C-alpha atoms as a PDB file:
ATOM      1  CA  MET A   1       0.000   0.001  -0.003  1.00  0.00           C
ATOM      2  CA  ALA A   2       1.534   3.360  -1.030  1.00  0.00           C
ATOM      3  CA  PHE A   3       1.044   6.837   0.313  1.00  0.00           C
ATOM      4  CA  PRO A   4      -1.884   8.345  -1.612  1.00  0.00           C
ATOM      5  CA  GLU A   5       0.112  11.321  -2.858  1.00  0.00           C
ATOM      6  CA  GLN A   6       3.214   9.200  -3.554  1.00  0.00           C
ATOM      7  CA  ALA A   7       1.724   6.155  -5.246  1.00  0.00           C
ATOM      8  CA  ASP A   8       3.831   6.640  -8.386  1.00  0.00           C
ATOM      9  CA  ASP A   9       7.010   7.265  -6.424  1.00  0.00           C
ATOM     10  CA  VAL A  10       7.317   3.910  -4.613  1.00  0.00           C
ATOM     11  CA  THR A  11       6.988   0.613  -6.468  1.00  0.00           C
ATOM     12  CA  GLU A  12       6.232  -2.712  -4.785  1.00  0.00           C
ATOM     13  CA  THR A  13       9.819  -3.821  -5.505  1.00  0.00           C
ATOM     14  CA  GLN A  14      11.197  -0.721  -3.734  1.00  0.00           C
ATOM     15  CA  ARG A  15       8.895  -1.250  -0.784  1.00  0.00           C
ATOM     16  CA  LYS A  16      10.247  -4.760  -0.311  1.00  0.00           C
ATOM     17  CA  LYS A  17      13.762  -3.270  -0.121  1.00  0.00           C
ATOM     18  CA  CYS A  18      12.741  -1.007   2.772  1.00  0.00           C
ATOM     19  CA  ARG A  19      14.649  -1.517   6.004  1.00  0.00           C
ATOM     20  CA  LEU A  20      13.835  -0.802   9.631  1.00  0.00           C
ATOM     21  CA  LEU A  21      16.596   0.853  11.635  1.00  0.00           C
ATOM     22  CA  GLU A  22      16.729   1.643  15.324  1.00  0.00           C
ATOM     23  CA  ILE A  23      18.547   4.396  17.170  1.00  0.00           C
ATOM     24  CA  VAL A  24      18.502   4.828  20.904  1.00  0.00           C
ATOM     25  CA  GLN A  25      18.445   8.329  22.363  1.00  0.00           C
ATOM     26  CA  TYR A  26      18.530   9.164  26.027  1.00  0.00           C
ATOM     27  CA  THR A  27      16.723  11.702  28.151  1.00  0.00           C
ATOM     28  CA  CYS A  28      18.474  12.606  31.390  1.00  0.00           C
ATOM     29  CA  GLU A  29      17.379  14.312  34.596  1.00  0.00           C
ATOM     30  CA  PRO A  30      19.503  15.348  37.567  1.00  0.00           C
ATOM     31  CA  GLU A  31      19.023  13.082  40.569  1.00  0.00           C
ATOM     32  CA  GLU A  32      20.118  14.027  44.062  1.00  0.00           C
ATOM     33  CA  LEU A  33      21.682  11.150  45.963  1.00  0.00           C
ATOM     34  CA  LEU A  34      21.374  10.636  49.725  1.00  0.00           C
ATOM     35  CA  SER A  35      24.920  11.951  50.036  1.00  0.00           C
ATOM     36  CA  GLY A  36      23.838  15.253  48.517  1.00  0.00           C
ATOM     37  CA  GLU A  37      25.668  14.648  45.279  1.00  0.00           C
ATOM     38  CA  VAL A  38      23.803  15.234  42.060  1.00  0.00           C
ATOM     39  CA  GLN A  39      24.235  12.817  39.170  1.00  0.00           C
ATOM     40  CA  PRO A  40      22.360  12.366  35.940  1.00  0.00           C
ATOM     41  CA  ARG A  41      19.767   9.588  35.672  1.00  0.00           C
ATOM     42  CA  CYS A  42      19.153   8.647  32.072  1.00  0.00           C
ATOM     43  CA  PHE A  43      16.407   6.679  30.378  1.00  0.00           C
ATOM     44  CA  PRO A  44      16.609   5.139  26.896  1.00  0.00           C
ATOM     45  CA  ILE A  45      14.195   6.234  24.164  1.00  0.00           C
ATOM     46  CA  PRO A  46      14.270   3.768  21.228  1.00  0.00           C
ATOM     47  CA  ARG A  47      13.288   5.222  17.871  1.00  0.00           C
ATOM     48  CA  ILE A  48      12.462   3.127  14.805  1.00  0.00           C
ATOM     49  CA  PHE A  49      12.831   4.455  11.258  1.00  0.00           C
ATOM     50  CA  ARG A  50      11.697   2.998   7.925  1.00  0.00           C
ATOM     51  CA  ILE A  51      14.236   3.621   5.195  1.00  0.00           C
ATOM     52  CA  CYS A  52      13.328   2.898   1.567  1.00  0.00           C
ATOM     53  CA  PRO A  53      15.488   3.375  -1.544  1.00  0.00           C
ATOM     54  CA  ASN A  54      15.327   6.903  -2.943  1.00  0.00           C
ATOM     55  CA  ARG A  55      13.006   8.054  -0.133  1.00  0.00           C
ATOM     56  CA  PRO A  56      13.616  10.037   3.051  1.00  0.00           C
ATOM     57  CA  ALA A  57      13.689   8.105   6.310  1.00  0.00           C
ATOM     58  CA  VAL A  58      10.388   8.241   8.232  1.00  0.00           C
ATOM     59  CA  GLU A  59      10.046   7.619  11.940  1.00  0.00           C
ATOM     60  CA  ILE A  60       7.510   4.884  12.631  1.00  0.00           C
ATOM     61  CA  THR A  61       8.066   4.373  16.377  1.00  0.00           C
ATOM     62  CA  LYS A  62       4.462   5.168  17.284  1.00  0.00           C
ATOM     63  CA  LEU A  63       3.006   2.974  14.534  1.00  0.00           C
ATOM     64  CA  ILE A  64       4.659  -0.328  15.469  1.00  0.00           C
ATOM     65  CA  LYS A  65       4.312  -2.882  18.236  1.00  0.00           C
ATOM     66  CA  ILE A  66       7.438  -4.185  19.905  1.00  0.00           C
ATOM     67  CA  ASP A  67       7.555  -7.451  21.872  1.00  0.00           C
ATOM     68  CA  LEU A  68       9.725  -6.394  24.782  1.00  0.00           C
ATOM     69  CA  LYS A  69      10.705 -10.031  25.567  1.00  0.00           C
ATOM     70  CA  THR A  70      11.955 -10.923  22.073  1.00  0.00           C
ATOM     71  CA  GLY A  71      12.547  -7.509  20.481  1.00  0.00           C
ATOM     72  CA  GLU A  72      10.380  -8.607  17.551  1.00  0.00           C
ATOM     73  CA  ILE A  73       8.698  -5.728  15.683  1.00  0.00           C
ATOM     74  CA  GLU A  74       5.207  -5.997  14.284  1.00  0.00           C
ATOM     75  CA  MET A  75       4.195  -3.415  11.712  1.00  0.00           C
ATOM     76  CA  PRO A  76       0.447  -3.110  10.992  1.00  0.00           C
ATOM     77  CA  ASP A  77      -0.529  -3.590   7.330  1.00  0.00           C
ATOM     78  CA  GLU A  78      -2.162  -0.182   7.182  1.00  0.00           C
ATOM     79  CA  SER A  79       0.957   1.598   8.452  1.00  0.00           C
ATOM     80  CA  SER A  80       2.012   2.736   4.964  1.00  0.00           C
ATOM     81  CA  ALA A  81      -1.199   4.727   4.658  1.00  0.00           C
ATOM     82  CA  LEU A  82      -0.495   6.364   8.028  1.00  0.00           C
ATOM     83  CA  LEU A  83       3.048   7.497   7.314  1.00  0.00           C
ATOM     84  CA  PRO A  84       3.591  11.209   6.828  1.00  0.00           C
ATOM     85  CA  LYS A  85       5.086  12.413   3.578  1.00  0.00           C
ATOM     86  CA  GLY A  86       8.812  12.740   4.173  1.00  0.00           C
ATOM     87  CA  LYS A  87      11.156  15.330   2.684  1.00  0.00           C
ATOM     88  CA  HIS A  88      14.836  15.083   1.818  1.00  0.00           C
ATOM     89  CA  TRP A  89      17.009  17.424   3.903  1.00  0.00           C
ATOM     90  CA  ARG A  90      17.912  19.318   0.731  1.00  0.00           C
ATOM     91  CA  ASP A  91      14.204  20.181   0.334  1.00  0.00           C
ATOM     92  CA  ILE A  92      13.814  21.658   3.813  1.00  0.00           C
ATOM     93  CA  ARG A  93      13.644  25.419   3.840  1.00  0.00           C
ATOM     94  CA  ARG A  94      14.689  27.347   6.918  1.00  0.00           C
ATOM     95  CA  TYR A  95      13.321  30.827   7.200  1.00  0.00           C
ATOM     96  CA  ASP A  96      15.218  33.666   8.772  1.00  0.00           C
ATOM     97  CA  THR A  97      13.065  34.341  11.847  1.00  0.00           C
ATOM     98  CA  GLU A  98      14.771  37.683  12.567  1.00  0.00           C
ATOM     99  CA  ALA A  99      13.894  38.971   9.105  1.00  0.00           C
ATOM    100  CA  VAL A 100      10.310  37.798   9.497  1.00  0.00           C
ATOM    101  CA  ALA A 101      10.011  39.394  12.982  1.00  0.00           C
ATOM    102  CA  GLY A 102      11.636  42.635  11.773  1.00  0.00           C
ATOM    103  CA  SER A 103       9.315  42.989   8.793  1.00  0.00           C
ATOM    104  CA  SER A 104       6.151  43.004  10.925  1.00  0.00           C
ATOM    105  CA  GLY A 105       7.182  45.980  13.050  1.00  0.00           C
END
């Protein structure tokens, strides 16, 4: 199943070549020990991405089910329809916020 607006862009052969990749990021908070020392306490945040040939990577962490005992990932069949349209980094436009703020005043 292809994205509605990208149906021509991704063939069934390309979809079969898609890979799932995981990165683990950490969020940390300061924790005060009984001794009065402060040390960071960090928690892992796994993130899963779908990477297809000639397509930007799309994070699918919230769309999948992970079996915490085995690490097996289950991706619902309808997940392709739920994925947002990704953009290549070269297509991202960053606007100069100072110029925009200065032009309104």
